[in-house]
Amino acid sequence: MGDRAADPQDPAEADPLVRAYLDHVRFEKRLADRTCTLYRLDLERLQSLATAAGVALVSVQPVHIRGWVARMHSQGRSGRGIALILSGWRGFYTWLGREGRIPANPVQGVRAPRAPKPLPKALGVDQAVQLAEHAEPDDHPWLEARDAAMVELLYGCGLRVAELTGLDVVASESALREGRGWIDLQAAEVQVQGKGSKRRTVPLGQAALEALQRWLAVRAQRPGLLQTPAPGASSQALALFPGWRGTRLQSHAVRQRLKRRSVQAGLATPVHPHMLRHSFASHLLQSSGDLRAVQELLGHASITTTQVYTRLDFQHLARAYDAAHPRARRK
């Protein structure tokens, strides 16, 4: 509510309808004092705009509301702030309609400007490689091998964190039945169970393949963890990435380990799993330009979801242009 600074003083010349409505929300609806204050500020603004336009409050039309919304937006007010103001105005005119003062609500159907959708955060190529190649000398070898393999799968395959934690070491009946994925080292592929129970196959790059082979060799030394499916084998025993106690690693634990690893690697920004998925998509698109292939690898149902990465790619190109082209340099 930072767009609506409170003023504790009531206006001296408030419209009688505004005063009546504020009494209604204060005494009949019993709204909180803070809410009533914000409603009053919104209606003061409405009354001021209507007076400047030479129109009575009961004669305001949708065209007036849209014009005032456009003006507030051009003056820098956020879409969220405008939406809150419109909500206050809409409530006032809804009340006027119930009182029989107006035939229709002029705010009904008017929406605030959409806030720009933020771009997904992605690491630069050098940062991503720095994280992937980082090793924790002080960590237990078991943890280091596991975390290195997780980073390679997140960045090298673009997996979601839930897809990562749902992987088994091998295919099994329980994995198929319970909707889990698995790795296929021989084919150098990951079988992923994605959103909407949709399966997809993602190729394993050389770095990811080697990291997985190292991790599986270490994992084989842990008691209670299976390398091959057995009748009645539990989901925990087949988990590709277990914790210390042998149970399947949870998403929050992956986030904690990745954040710690990124700090230890010297990255300025703590990294979360989805940032590596964004980095995978952005770097692949920069190199190949094949939007349809990136869509398939990410498991997006619609290509419009993948197209956000074209904006990231354009930013990369724009920075390269600004840095390199002689006509882009500013004196």
C-alpha atoms as a PDB file:
ATOM      1  CA  MET A   1       0.000   0.000   0.000  1.00  0.00           C
ATOM      2  CA  GLY A   2       2.970   2.275  -0.428  1.00  0.00           C
ATOM      3  CA  ASP A   3       1.244   4.003  -3.371  1.00  0.00           C
ATOM      4  CA  ARG A   4      -1.386   5.417  -1.057  1.00  0.00           C
ATOM      5  CA  ALA A   5       0.143   7.569   1.668  1.00  0.00           C
ATOM      6  CA  ALA A   6      -2.252   8.069   4.564  1.00  0.00           C
ATOM      7  CA  ASP A   7      -3.474  11.542   5.586  1.00  0.00           C
ATOM      8  CA  PRO A   8      -5.214  11.544   8.977  1.00  0.00           C
ATOM      9  CA  GLN A   9      -7.164  14.768   8.291  1.00  0.00           C
ATOM     10  CA  ASP A  10     -10.669  14.530   6.802  1.00  0.00           C
ATOM     11  CA  PRO A  11     -11.277  16.796   3.794  1.00  0.00           C
ATOM     12  CA  ALA A  12     -13.189  19.927   4.670  1.00  0.00           C
ATOM     13  CA  GLU A  13     -15.367  19.844   1.571  1.00  0.00           C
ATOM     14  CA  ALA A  14     -15.915  16.142   0.914  1.00  0.00           C
ATOM     15  CA  ASP A  15     -18.873  15.330  -1.291  1.00  0.00           C
ATOM     16  CA  PRO A  16     -21.908  14.333   0.813  1.00  0.00           C
ATOM     17  CA  LEU A  17     -22.075  10.998  -1.025  1.00  0.00           C
ATOM     18  CA  VAL A  18     -18.447  10.301  -0.153  1.00  0.00           C
ATOM     19  CA  ARG A  19     -19.099  11.121   3.512  1.00  0.00           C
ATOM     20  CA  ALA A  20     -22.153   8.864   3.538  1.00  0.00           C
ATOM     21  CA  TYR A  21     -20.222   5.994   1.968  1.00  0.00           C
ATOM     22  CA  LEU A  22     -17.345   6.361   4.433  1.00  0.00           C
ATOM     23  CA  ASP A  23     -19.849   6.284   7.307  1.00  0.00           C
ATOM     24  CA  HIS A  24     -21.303   3.130   5.760  1.00  0.00           C
ATOM     25  CA  VAL A  25     -17.976   1.277   5.617  1.00  0.00           C
ATOM     26  CA  ARG A  26     -16.933   2.510   9.037  1.00  0.00           C
ATOM     27  CA  PHE A  27     -20.111   1.903  11.056  1.00  0.00           C
ATOM     28  CA  GLU A  28     -22.146  -0.626   9.083  1.00  0.00           C
ATOM     29  CA  LYS A  29     -19.422  -2.767   7.520  1.00  0.00           C
ATOM     30  CA  ARG A  30     -17.125  -2.148  10.506  1.00  0.00           C
ATOM     31  CA  LEU A  31     -13.978  -2.049   8.416  1.00  0.00           C
ATOM     32  CA  ALA A  32     -10.644  -1.364  10.091  1.00  0.00           C
ATOM     33  CA  ASP A  33      -9.572   2.237  10.598  1.00  0.00           C
ATOM     34  CA  ARG A  34      -6.606   1.780   8.252  1.00  0.00           C
ATOM     35  CA  THR A  35      -8.881   0.455   5.509  1.00  0.00           C
ATOM     36  CA  CYS A  36     -11.331   3.328   5.971  1.00  0.00           C
ATOM     37  CA  THR A  37      -8.455   5.809   5.739  1.00  0.00           C
ATOM     38  CA  LEU A  38      -7.285   4.275   2.456  1.00  0.00           C
ATOM     39  CA  TYR A  39     -10.831   4.335   1.067  1.00  0.00           C
ATOM     40  CA  ARG A  40     -11.078   8.007   1.993  1.00  0.00           C
ATOM     41  CA  LEU A  41      -7.799   8.812   0.232  1.00  0.00           C
ATOM     42  CA  ASP A  42      -8.953   6.973  -2.896  1.00  0.00           C
ATOM     43  CA  LEU A  43     -12.260   8.853  -2.937  1.00  0.00           C
ATOM     44  CA  GLU A  44     -10.521  12.185  -2.345  1.00  0.00           C
ATOM     45  CA  ARG A  45      -8.507  11.455  -5.467  1.00  0.00           C
ATOM     46  CA  LEU A  46     -11.667  10.514  -7.364  1.00  0.00           C
ATOM     47  CA  GLN A  47     -13.455  13.667  -6.253  1.00  0.00           C
ATOM     48  CA  SER A  48     -10.479  15.826  -7.240  1.00  0.00           C
ATOM     49  CA  LEU A  49     -10.270  14.253 -10.701  1.00  0.00           C
ATOM     50  CA  ALA A  50     -14.025  14.587 -11.263  1.00  0.00           C
ATOM     51  CA  THR A  51     -13.981  18.245 -10.185  1.00  0.00           C
ATOM     52  CA  ALA A  52     -11.084  18.994 -12.537  1.00  0.00           C
ATOM     53  CA  ALA A  53     -13.014  17.326 -15.369  1.00  0.00           C
ATOM     54  CA  GLY A  54     -16.177  19.284 -14.549  1.00  0.00           C
ATOM     55  CA  VAL A  55     -18.253  16.180 -13.917  1.00  0.00           C
ATOM     56  CA  ALA A  56     -20.306  15.179 -10.893  1.00  0.00           C
ATOM     57  CA  LEU A  57     -19.418  11.934  -9.147  1.00  0.00           C
ATOM     58  CA  VAL A  58     -22.768  10.390 -10.104  1.00  0.00           C
ATOM     59  CA  SER A  59     -22.164  11.338 -13.767  1.00  0.00           C
ATOM     60  CA  VAL A  60     -18.733   9.728 -14.116  1.00  0.00           C
ATOM     61  CA  GLN A  61     -18.518   7.368 -17.099  1.00  0.00           C
ATOM     62  CA  PRO A  62     -16.107   4.513 -17.942  1.00  0.00           C
ATOM     63  CA  VAL A  63     -14.283   6.792 -20.400  1.00  0.00           C
ATOM     64  CA  HIS A  64     -13.434   9.123 -17.496  1.00  0.00           C
ATOM     65  CA  ILE A  65     -12.158   6.240 -15.368  1.00  0.00           C
ATOM     66  CA  ARG A  66      -9.978   4.920 -18.201  1.00  0.00           C
ATOM     67  CA  GLY A  67      -8.525   8.375 -18.798  1.00  0.00           C
ATOM     68  CA  TRP A  68      -7.667   8.801 -15.142  1.00  0.00           C
ATOM     69  CA  VAL A  69      -6.100   5.351 -15.019  1.00  0.00           C
ATOM     70  CA  ALA A  70      -3.951   6.246 -18.027  1.00  0.00           C
ATOM     71  CA  ARG A  71      -2.899   9.497 -16.380  1.00  0.00           C
ATOM     72  CA  MET A  72      -1.914   7.801 -13.115  1.00  0.00           C
ATOM     73  CA  HIS A  73       0.050   5.194 -15.027  1.00  0.00           C
ATOM     74  CA  SER A  74       1.894   7.835 -17.085  1.00  0.00           C
ATOM     75  CA  GLN A  75       2.792   9.603 -13.840  1.00  0.00           C
ATOM     76  CA  GLY A  76       4.580   6.478 -12.664  1.00  0.00           C
ATOM     77  CA  ARG A  77       2.023   4.855 -10.395  1.00  0.00           C
ATOM     78  CA  SER A  78       2.394   1.083 -10.378  1.00  0.00           C
ATOM     79  CA  GLY A  79      -0.195  -1.286 -11.776  1.00  0.00           C
ATOM     80  CA  ARG A  80      -0.721  -2.708  -8.283  1.00  0.00           C
ATOM     81  CA  GLY A  81      -1.276   0.758  -6.836  1.00  0.00           C
ATOM     82  CA  ILE A  82      -3.803   1.601  -9.552  1.00  0.00           C
ATOM     83  CA  ALA A  83      -5.592  -1.704  -8.976  1.00  0.00           C
ATOM     84  CA  LEU A  84      -6.009  -0.860  -5.293  1.00  0.00           C
ATOM     85  CA  ILE A  85      -7.383   2.572  -6.144  1.00  0.00           C
ATOM     86  CA  LEU A  86      -9.837   1.106  -8.657  1.00  0.00           C
ATOM     87  CA  SER A  87     -10.981  -1.360  -6.011  1.00  0.00           C
ATOM     88  CA  GLY A  88     -11.859   1.539  -3.709  1.00  0.00           C
ATOM     89  CA  TRP A  89     -13.688   3.372  -6.479  1.00  0.00           C
ATOM     90  CA  ARG A  90     -15.528   0.224  -7.540  1.00  0.00           C
ATOM     91  CA  GLY A  91     -16.824  -0.329  -4.014  1.00  0.00           C
ATOM     92  CA  PHE A  92     -18.067   3.257  -3.829  1.00  0.00           C
ATOM     93  CA  TYR A  93     -19.989   3.015  -7.107  1.00  0.00           C
ATOM     94  CA  THR A  94     -21.362  -0.415  -6.170  1.00  0.00           C
ATOM     95  CA  TRP A  95     -22.837   1.209  -3.078  1.00  0.00           C
ATOM     96  CA  LEU A  96     -24.222   4.116  -5.130  1.00  0.00           C
ATOM     97  CA  GLY A  97     -25.915   1.583  -7.404  1.00  0.00           C
ATOM     98  CA  ARG A  98     -27.559  -0.171  -4.451  1.00  0.00           C
ATOM     99  CA  GLU A  99     -28.725   3.230  -3.219  1.00  0.00           C
ATOM    100  CA  GLY A 100     -30.317   3.908  -6.607  1.00  0.00           C
ATOM    101  CA  ARG A 101     -28.086   6.918  -7.329  1.00  0.00           C
ATOM    102  CA  ILE A 102     -26.548   5.590 -10.581  1.00  0.00           C
ATOM    103  CA  PRO A 103     -27.780   3.250 -13.330  1.00  0.00           C
ATOM    104  CA  ALA A 104     -24.445   1.440 -13.817  1.00  0.00           C
ATOM    105  CA  ASN A 105     -21.023   1.139 -12.191  1.00  0.00           C
ATOM    106  CA  PRO A 106     -18.505   3.084 -14.363  1.00  0.00           C
ATOM    107  CA  VAL A 107     -15.555   1.235 -12.826  1.00  0.00           C
ATOM    108  CA  GLN A 108     -16.902  -2.199 -13.638  1.00  0.00           C
ATOM    109  CA  GLY A 109     -14.783  -3.755 -16.377  1.00  0.00           C
ATOM    110  CA  VAL A 110     -11.946  -1.221 -16.036  1.00  0.00           C
ATOM    111  CA  ARG A 111      -8.663  -2.905 -15.165  1.00  0.00           C
ATOM    112  CA  ALA A 112      -5.321  -1.592 -14.044  1.00  0.00           C
ATOM    113  CA  PRO A 113      -2.361  -1.836 -16.435  1.00  0.00           C
ATOM    114  CA  ARG A 114      -0.581  -5.145 -16.144  1.00  0.00           C
ATOM    115  CA  ALA A 115       2.712  -5.098 -14.355  1.00  0.00           C
ATOM    116  CA  PRO A 116       5.556  -6.129 -16.671  1.00  0.00           C
ATOM    117  CA  LYS A 117       6.347  -9.801 -16.239  1.00  0.00           C
ATOM    118  CA  PRO A 118       9.836 -10.093 -14.768  1.00  0.00           C
ATOM    119  CA  LEU A 119      12.372 -12.013 -16.776  1.00  0.00           C
ATOM    120  CA  PRO A 120      13.590 -15.239 -15.228  1.00  0.00           C
ATOM    121  CA  LYS A 121      16.987 -14.896 -13.624  1.00  0.00           C
ATOM    122  CA  ALA A 122      19.789 -16.708 -15.395  1.00  0.00           C
ATOM    123  CA  LEU A 123      23.505 -16.970 -14.730  1.00  0.00           C
ATOM    124  CA  GLY A 124      26.063 -15.915 -17.274  1.00  0.00           C
ATOM    125  CA  VAL A 125      27.858 -18.748 -19.046  1.00  0.00           C
ATOM    126  CA  ASP A 126      31.081 -18.143 -17.094  1.00  0.00           C
ATOM    127  CA  GLN A 127      29.195 -18.122 -13.785  1.00  0.00           C
ATOM    128  CA  ALA A 128      27.352 -21.335 -14.606  1.00  0.00           C
ATOM    129  CA  VAL A 129      30.591 -23.088 -15.560  1.00  0.00           C
ATOM    130  CA  GLN A 130      32.274 -21.733 -12.426  1.00  0.00           C
ATOM    131  CA  LEU A 131      29.521 -23.274 -10.298  1.00  0.00           C
ATOM    132  CA  ALA A 132      29.511 -26.572 -12.188  1.00  0.00           C
ATOM    133  CA  GLU A 133      33.285 -26.975 -11.942  1.00  0.00           C
ATOM    134  CA  HIS A 134      33.530 -25.925  -8.307  1.00  0.00           C
ATOM    135  CA  ALA A 135      34.547 -28.611  -5.823  1.00  0.00           C
ATOM    136  CA  GLU A 136      34.134 -28.471  -2.051  1.00  0.00           C
ATOM    137  CA  PRO A 137      37.444 -29.732  -0.586  1.00  0.00           C
ATOM    138  CA  ASP A 138      36.116 -29.509   2.966  1.00  0.00           C
ATOM    139  CA  ASP A 139      32.974 -31.497   2.221  1.00  0.00           C
ATOM    140  CA  HIS A 140      32.596 -35.188   2.792  1.00  0.00           C
ATOM    141  CA  PRO A 141      33.439 -36.972  -0.495  1.00  0.00           C
ATOM    142  CA  TRP A 142      29.958 -38.483  -0.469  1.00  0.00           C
ATOM    143  CA  LEU A 143      28.269 -35.063  -0.326  1.00  0.00           C
ATOM    144  CA  GLU A 144      30.645 -33.519  -2.857  1.00  0.00           C
ATOM    145  CA  ALA A 145      30.017 -36.249  -5.433  1.00  0.00           C
ATOM    146  CA  ARG A 146      26.241 -36.069  -4.918  1.00  0.00           C
ATOM    147  CA  ASP A 147      26.011 -32.283  -5.104  1.00  0.00           C
ATOM    148  CA  ALA A 148      28.232 -32.100  -8.190  1.00  0.00           C
ATOM    149  CA  ALA A 149      25.941 -34.571  -9.970  1.00  0.00           C
ATOM    150  CA  MET A 150      22.864 -32.577  -8.944  1.00  0.00           C
ATOM    151  CA  VAL A 151      24.334 -29.358 -10.354  1.00  0.00           C
ATOM    152  CA  GLU A 152      25.175 -31.062 -13.639  1.00  0.00           C
ATOM    153  CA  LEU A 153      21.622 -32.374 -14.002  1.00  0.00           C
ATOM    154  CA  LEU A 154      20.018 -29.043 -13.106  1.00  0.00           C
ATOM    155  CA  TYR A 155      22.223 -26.999 -15.427  1.00  0.00           C
ATOM    156  CA  GLY A 156      23.126 -29.613 -18.033  1.00  0.00           C
ATOM    157  CA  CYS A 157      19.608 -31.013 -18.465  1.00  0.00           C
ATOM    158  CA  GLY A 158      17.365 -28.145 -17.335  1.00  0.00           C
ATOM    159  CA  LEU A 159      15.476 -30.255 -14.799  1.00  0.00           C
ATOM    160  CA  ARG A 160      13.004 -28.834 -12.331  1.00  0.00           C
ATOM    161  CA  VAL A 161      13.965 -29.506  -8.719  1.00  0.00           C
ATOM    162  CA  ALA A 162      10.969 -31.824  -8.230  1.00  0.00           C
ATOM    163  CA  GLU A 163      12.012 -33.754 -11.325  1.00  0.00           C
ATOM    164  CA  LEU A 164      15.535 -34.069  -9.934  1.00  0.00           C
ATOM    165  CA  THR A 165      14.461 -35.370  -6.534  1.00  0.00           C
ATOM    166  CA  GLY A 166      12.019 -37.782  -8.196  1.00  0.00           C
ATOM    167  CA  LEU A 167      14.742 -39.635 -10.115  1.00  0.00           C
ATOM    168  CA  ASP A 168      15.628 -43.258  -9.421  1.00  0.00           C
ATOM    169  CA  VAL A 169      18.900 -44.971 -10.269  1.00  0.00           C
ATOM    170  CA  VAL A 170      17.155 -47.319 -12.711  1.00  0.00           C
ATOM    171  CA  ALA A 171      13.759 -47.989 -14.237  1.00  0.00           C
ATOM    172  CA  SER A 172      11.442 -50.122 -12.143  1.00  0.00           C
ATOM    173  CA  GLU A 173       7.811 -51.090 -11.903  1.00  0.00           C
ATOM    174  CA  SER A 174       7.348 -48.859  -8.889  1.00  0.00           C
ATOM    175  CA  ALA A 175       8.843 -45.885 -10.755  1.00  0.00           C
ATOM    176  CA  LEU A 176       6.386 -46.365 -13.598  1.00  0.00           C
ATOM    177  CA  ARG A 177       3.497 -46.944 -11.223  1.00  0.00           C
ATOM    178  CA  GLU A 178       4.287 -44.013  -8.929  1.00  0.00           C
ATOM    179  CA  GLY A 179       5.322 -41.565 -11.640  1.00  0.00           C
ATOM    180  CA  ARG A 180       9.048 -41.225 -10.981  1.00  0.00           C
ATOM    181  CA  GLY A 181      11.859 -40.736 -13.457  1.00  0.00           C
ATOM    182  CA  TRP A 182      15.175 -42.534 -13.789  1.00  0.00           C
ATOM    183  CA  ILE A 183      18.556 -42.334 -15.497  1.00  0.00           C
ATOM    184  CA  ASP A 184      19.752 -44.531 -18.337  1.00  0.00           C
ATOM    185  CA  LEU A 185      23.536 -44.344 -18.389  1.00  0.00           C
ATOM    186  CA  GLN A 186      23.879 -46.732 -21.310  1.00  0.00           C
ATOM    187  CA  ALA A 187      21.704 -44.553 -23.533  1.00  0.00           C
ATOM    188  CA  ALA A 188      23.030 -41.349 -21.885  1.00  0.00           C
ATOM    189  CA  GLU A 189      19.475 -40.190 -21.186  1.00  0.00           C
ATOM    190  CA  VAL A 190      17.285 -39.057 -18.328  1.00  0.00           C
ATOM    191  CA  GLN A 191      13.665 -40.195 -18.303  1.00  0.00           C
ATOM    192  CA  VAL A 192      11.791 -37.392 -16.583  1.00  0.00           C
ATOM    193  CA  GLN A 193       8.333 -37.296 -15.063  1.00  0.00           C
ATOM    194  CA  GLY A 194       7.357 -33.651 -15.517  1.00  0.00           C
ATOM    195  CA  LYS A 195       4.339 -31.467 -14.824  1.00  0.00           C
ATOM    196  CA  GLY A 196       0.957 -32.922 -15.640  1.00  0.00           C
ATOM    197  CA  SER A 197       2.412 -36.456 -15.425  1.00  0.00           C
ATOM    198  CA  LYS A 198       4.056 -35.902 -18.821  1.00  0.00           C
ATOM    199  CA  ARG A 199       7.194 -37.883 -19.513  1.00  0.00           C
ATOM    200  CA  ARG A 200      10.076 -36.642 -21.595  1.00  0.00           C
ATOM    201  CA  THR A 201      13.559 -37.816 -22.466  1.00  0.00           C
ATOM    202  CA  VAL A 202      16.501 -35.463 -21.957  1.00  0.00           C
ATOM    203  CA  PRO A 203      20.000 -36.302 -23.236  1.00  0.00           C
ATOM    204  CA  LEU A 204      22.882 -36.452 -20.781  1.00  0.00           C
ATOM    205  CA  GLY A 205      25.882 -34.367 -21.754  1.00  0.00           C
ATOM    206  CA  GLN A 206      29.391 -35.686 -21.213  1.00  0.00           C
ATOM    207  CA  ALA A 207      29.969 -33.637 -18.064  1.00  0.00           C
ATOM    208  CA  ALA A 208      26.675 -34.799 -16.524  1.00  0.00           C
ATOM    209  CA  LEU A 209      27.362 -38.382 -17.494  1.00  0.00           C
ATOM    210  CA  GLU A 210      30.797 -38.365 -15.869  1.00  0.00           C
ATOM    211  CA  ALA A 211      29.459 -36.669 -12.722  1.00  0.00           C
ATOM    212  CA  LEU A 212      26.718 -39.292 -12.430  1.00  0.00           C
ATOM    213  CA  GLN A 213      29.180 -42.147 -12.880  1.00  0.00           C
ATOM    214  CA  ARG A 214      31.373 -40.731 -10.119  1.00  0.00           C
ATOM    215  CA  TRP A 215      28.372 -40.262  -7.850  1.00  0.00           C
ATOM    216  CA  LEU A 216      27.011 -43.764  -8.446  1.00  0.00           C
ATOM    217  CA  ALA A 217      30.388 -45.275  -7.608  1.00  0.00           C
ATOM    218  CA  VAL A 218      30.332 -43.427  -4.275  1.00  0.00           C
ATOM    219  CA  ARG A 219      26.646 -44.119  -3.705  1.00  0.00           C
ATOM    220  CA  ALA A 220      27.231 -47.864  -4.114  1.00  0.00           C
ATOM    221  CA  GLN A 221      29.227 -47.844  -0.884  1.00  0.00           C
ATOM    222  CA  ARG A 222      26.261 -46.629   1.161  1.00  0.00           C
ATOM    223  CA  PRO A 223      24.370 -49.425   2.936  1.00  0.00           C
ATOM    224  CA  GLY A 224      20.695 -49.815   2.149  1.00  0.00           C
ATOM    225  CA  LEU A 225      20.848 -48.094  -1.253  1.00  0.00           C
ATOM    226  CA  LEU A 226      20.135 -50.300  -4.259  1.00  0.00           C
ATOM    227  CA  GLN A 227      21.776 -50.188  -7.674  1.00  0.00           C
ATOM    228  CA  THR A 228      19.342 -52.607  -9.313  1.00  0.00           C
ATOM    229  CA  PRO A 229      15.615 -53.008  -8.810  1.00  0.00           C
ATOM    230  CA  ALA A 230      14.480 -55.838  -6.572  1.00  0.00           C
ATOM    231  CA  PRO A 231      10.982 -57.174  -5.956  1.00  0.00           C
ATOM    232  CA  GLY A 232       9.289 -54.907  -3.468  1.00  0.00           C
ATOM    233  CA  ALA A 233      12.163 -52.398  -3.438  1.00  0.00           C
ATOM    234  CA  SER A 234      11.138 -49.178  -1.758  1.00  0.00           C
ATOM    235  CA  SER A 235      11.166 -45.775  -3.415  1.00  0.00           C
ATOM    236  CA  GLN A 236      13.714 -44.619  -0.832  1.00  0.00           C
ATOM    237  CA  ALA A 237      16.154 -47.431  -1.624  1.00  0.00           C
ATOM    238  CA  LEU A 238      16.091 -46.606  -5.352  1.00  0.00           C
ATOM    239  CA  ALA A 239      16.364 -42.821  -4.971  1.00  0.00           C
ATOM    240  CA  LEU A 240      19.162 -41.415  -7.115  1.00  0.00           C
ATOM    241  CA  PHE A 241      19.839 -38.654  -4.610  1.00  0.00           C
ATOM    242  CA  PRO A 242      19.376 -39.717  -0.973  1.00  0.00           C
ATOM    243  CA  GLY A 243      20.266 -37.799   2.150  1.00  0.00           C
ATOM    244  CA  TRP A 244      22.515 -38.953   4.968  1.00  0.00           C
ATOM    245  CA  ARG A 245      19.810 -41.212   6.389  1.00  0.00           C
ATOM    246  CA  GLY A 246      19.159 -42.911   3.073  1.00  0.00           C
ATOM    247  CA  THR A 247      15.773 -41.289   2.458  1.00  0.00           C
ATOM    248  CA  ARG A 248      15.011 -39.477  -0.788  1.00  0.00           C
ATOM    249  CA  LEU A 249      16.374 -35.941  -0.782  1.00  0.00           C
ATOM    250  CA  GLN A 250      13.677 -33.257  -0.601  1.00  0.00           C
ATOM    251  CA  SER A 251      13.477 -30.078  -2.675  1.00  0.00           C
ATOM    252  CA  HIS A 252      14.241 -27.759   0.235  1.00  0.00           C
ATOM    253  CA  ALA A 253      17.453 -29.670   0.957  1.00  0.00           C
ATOM    254  CA  VAL A 254      18.544 -29.301  -2.688  1.00  0.00           C
ATOM    255  CA  ARG A 255      17.921 -25.546  -2.470  1.00  0.00           C
ATOM    256  CA  GLN A 256      19.996 -25.275   0.709  1.00  0.00           C
ATOM    257  CA  ARG A 257      22.889 -27.283  -0.727  1.00  0.00           C
ATOM    258  CA  LEU A 258      22.880 -25.325  -3.988  1.00  0.00           C
ATOM    259  CA  LYS A 259      22.781 -21.978  -2.209  1.00  0.00           C
ATOM    260  CA  ARG A 260      25.717 -23.036  -0.030  1.00  0.00           C
ATOM    261  CA  ARG A 261      27.664 -24.306  -3.025  1.00  0.00           C
ATOM    262  CA  SER A 262      27.143 -21.108  -5.025  1.00  0.00           C
ATOM    263  CA  VAL A 263      28.383 -18.980  -2.126  1.00  0.00           C
ATOM    264  CA  GLN A 264      31.421 -21.221  -1.673  1.00  0.00           C
ATOM    265  CA  ALA A 265      32.087 -20.979  -5.415  1.00  0.00           C
ATOM    266  CA  GLY A 266      32.321 -17.197  -5.094  1.00  0.00           C
ATOM    267  CA  LEU A 267      29.204 -16.242  -7.050  1.00  0.00           C
ATOM    268  CA  ALA A 268      27.775 -12.834  -6.192  1.00  0.00           C
ATOM    269  CA  THR A 269      24.172 -14.104  -6.205  1.00  0.00           C
ATOM    270  CA  PRO A 270      23.020 -17.172  -4.272  1.00  0.00           C
ATOM    271  CA  VAL A 271      21.771 -19.693  -6.813  1.00  0.00           C
ATOM    272  CA  HIS A 272      18.503 -21.608  -6.589  1.00  0.00           C
ATOM    273  CA  PRO A 273      17.588 -24.666  -8.690  1.00  0.00           C
ATOM    274  CA  HIS A 274      15.217 -22.896 -11.075  1.00  0.00           C
ATOM    275  CA  MET A 275      17.939 -20.357 -11.878  1.00  0.00           C
ATOM    276  CA  LEU A 276      19.988 -23.208 -13.330  1.00  0.00           C
ATOM    277  CA  ARG A 277      16.998 -24.333 -15.404  1.00  0.00           C
ATOM    278  CA  HIS A 278      16.695 -20.778 -16.740  1.00  0.00           C
ATOM    279  CA  SER A 279      20.428 -20.726 -17.433  1.00  0.00           C
ATOM    280  CA  PHE A 280      20.193 -24.037 -19.310  1.00  0.00           C
ATOM    281  CA  ALA A 281      17.429 -22.667 -21.552  1.00  0.00           C
ATOM    282  CA  SER A 282      19.009 -19.273 -22.114  1.00  0.00           C
ATOM    283  CA  HIS A 283      22.479 -20.602 -22.955  1.00  0.00           C
ATOM    284  CA  LEU A 284      21.082 -23.286 -25.245  1.00  0.00           C
ATOM    285  CA  LEU A 285      18.965 -20.748 -27.092  1.00  0.00           C
ATOM    286  CA  GLN A 286      21.883 -18.345 -27.442  1.00  0.00           C
ATOM    287  CA  SER A 287      23.957 -21.062 -29.066  1.00  0.00           C
ATOM    288  CA  SER A 288      21.348 -22.794 -31.225  1.00  0.00           C
ATOM    289  CA  GLY A 289      18.451 -20.399 -31.733  1.00  0.00           C
ATOM    290  CA  ASP A 290      16.198 -23.486 -31.890  1.00  0.00           C
ATOM    291  CA  LEU A 291      13.195 -22.462 -29.812  1.00  0.00           C
ATOM    292  CA  ARG A 292      11.249 -25.636 -30.598  1.00  0.00           C
ATOM    293  CA  ALA A 293      14.069 -27.881 -29.371  1.00  0.00           C
ATOM    294  CA  VAL A 294      14.397 -25.878 -26.156  1.00  0.00           C
ATOM    295  CA  GLN A 295      10.646 -26.256 -25.623  1.00  0.00           C
ATOM    296  CA  GLU A 296      10.923 -30.028 -25.907  1.00  0.00           C
ATOM    297  CA  LEU A 297      13.914 -30.236 -23.568  1.00  0.00           C
ATOM    298  CA  LEU A 298      12.205 -28.086 -20.934  1.00  0.00           C
ATOM    299  CA  GLY A 299       8.916 -29.963 -21.229  1.00  0.00           C
ATOM    300  CA  HIS A 300       6.825 -26.841 -21.856  1.00  0.00           C
ATOM    301  CA  ALA A 301       3.310 -27.624 -23.062  1.00  0.00           C
ATOM    302  CA  SER A 302       3.141 -24.317 -24.961  1.00  0.00           C
ATOM    303  CA  ILE A 303       5.917 -22.631 -26.904  1.00  0.00           C
ATOM    304  CA  THR A 304       4.734 -19.263 -25.576  1.00  0.00           C
ATOM    305  CA  THR A 305       6.165 -20.303 -22.203  1.00  0.00           C
ATOM    306  CA  THR A 306       9.530 -20.931 -23.834  1.00  0.00           C
ATOM    307  CA  GLN A 307       9.467 -17.647 -25.736  1.00  0.00           C
ATOM    308  CA  VAL A 308      10.350 -15.718 -22.590  1.00  0.00           C
ATOM    309  CA  TYR A 309      13.914 -16.933 -23.173  1.00  0.00           C
ATOM    310  CA  THR A 310      14.018 -15.081 -26.488  1.00  0.00           C
ATOM    311  CA  ARG A 311      13.812 -11.916 -24.409  1.00  0.00           C
ATOM    312  CA  LEU A 312      16.795 -13.082 -22.373  1.00  0.00           C
ATOM    313  CA  ASP A 313      18.623 -13.870 -25.594  1.00  0.00           C
ATOM    314  CA  PHE A 314      17.853 -10.418 -26.983  1.00  0.00           C
ATOM    315  CA  GLN A 315      19.274  -8.828 -23.842  1.00  0.00           C
ATOM    316  CA  HIS A 316      22.460 -10.836 -24.404  1.00  0.00           C
ATOM    317  CA  LEU A 317      22.656  -9.636 -28.009  1.00  0.00           C
ATOM    318  CA  ALA A 318      21.929  -6.036 -26.997  1.00  0.00           C
ATOM    319  CA  ARG A 319      24.764  -6.063 -24.453  1.00  0.00           C
ATOM    320  CA  ALA A 320      27.120  -7.524 -27.032  1.00  0.00           C
ATOM    321  CA  TYR A 321      26.099  -4.795 -29.509  1.00  0.00           C
ATOM    322  CA  ASP A 322      26.539  -2.011 -26.955  1.00  0.00           C
ATOM    323  CA  ALA A 323      29.985  -3.310 -26.019  1.00  0.00           C
ATOM    324  CA  ALA A 324      31.308  -4.036 -29.482  1.00  0.00           C
ATOM    325  CA  HIS A 325      29.712  -1.914 -32.214  1.00  0.00           C
ATOM    326  CA  PRO A 326      31.452   1.433 -32.827  1.00  0.00           C
ATOM    327  CA  ARG A 327      28.146   3.199 -33.520  1.00  0.00           C
ATOM    328  CA  ALA A 328      26.702   2.011 -30.224  1.00  0.00           C
ATOM    329  CA  ARG A 329      29.336   3.699 -28.119  1.00  0.00           C
ATOM    330  CA  ARG A 330      28.219   6.898 -26.454  1.00  0.00           C
ATOM    331  CA  LYS A 331      30.596   9.826 -26.084  1.00  0.00           C
END
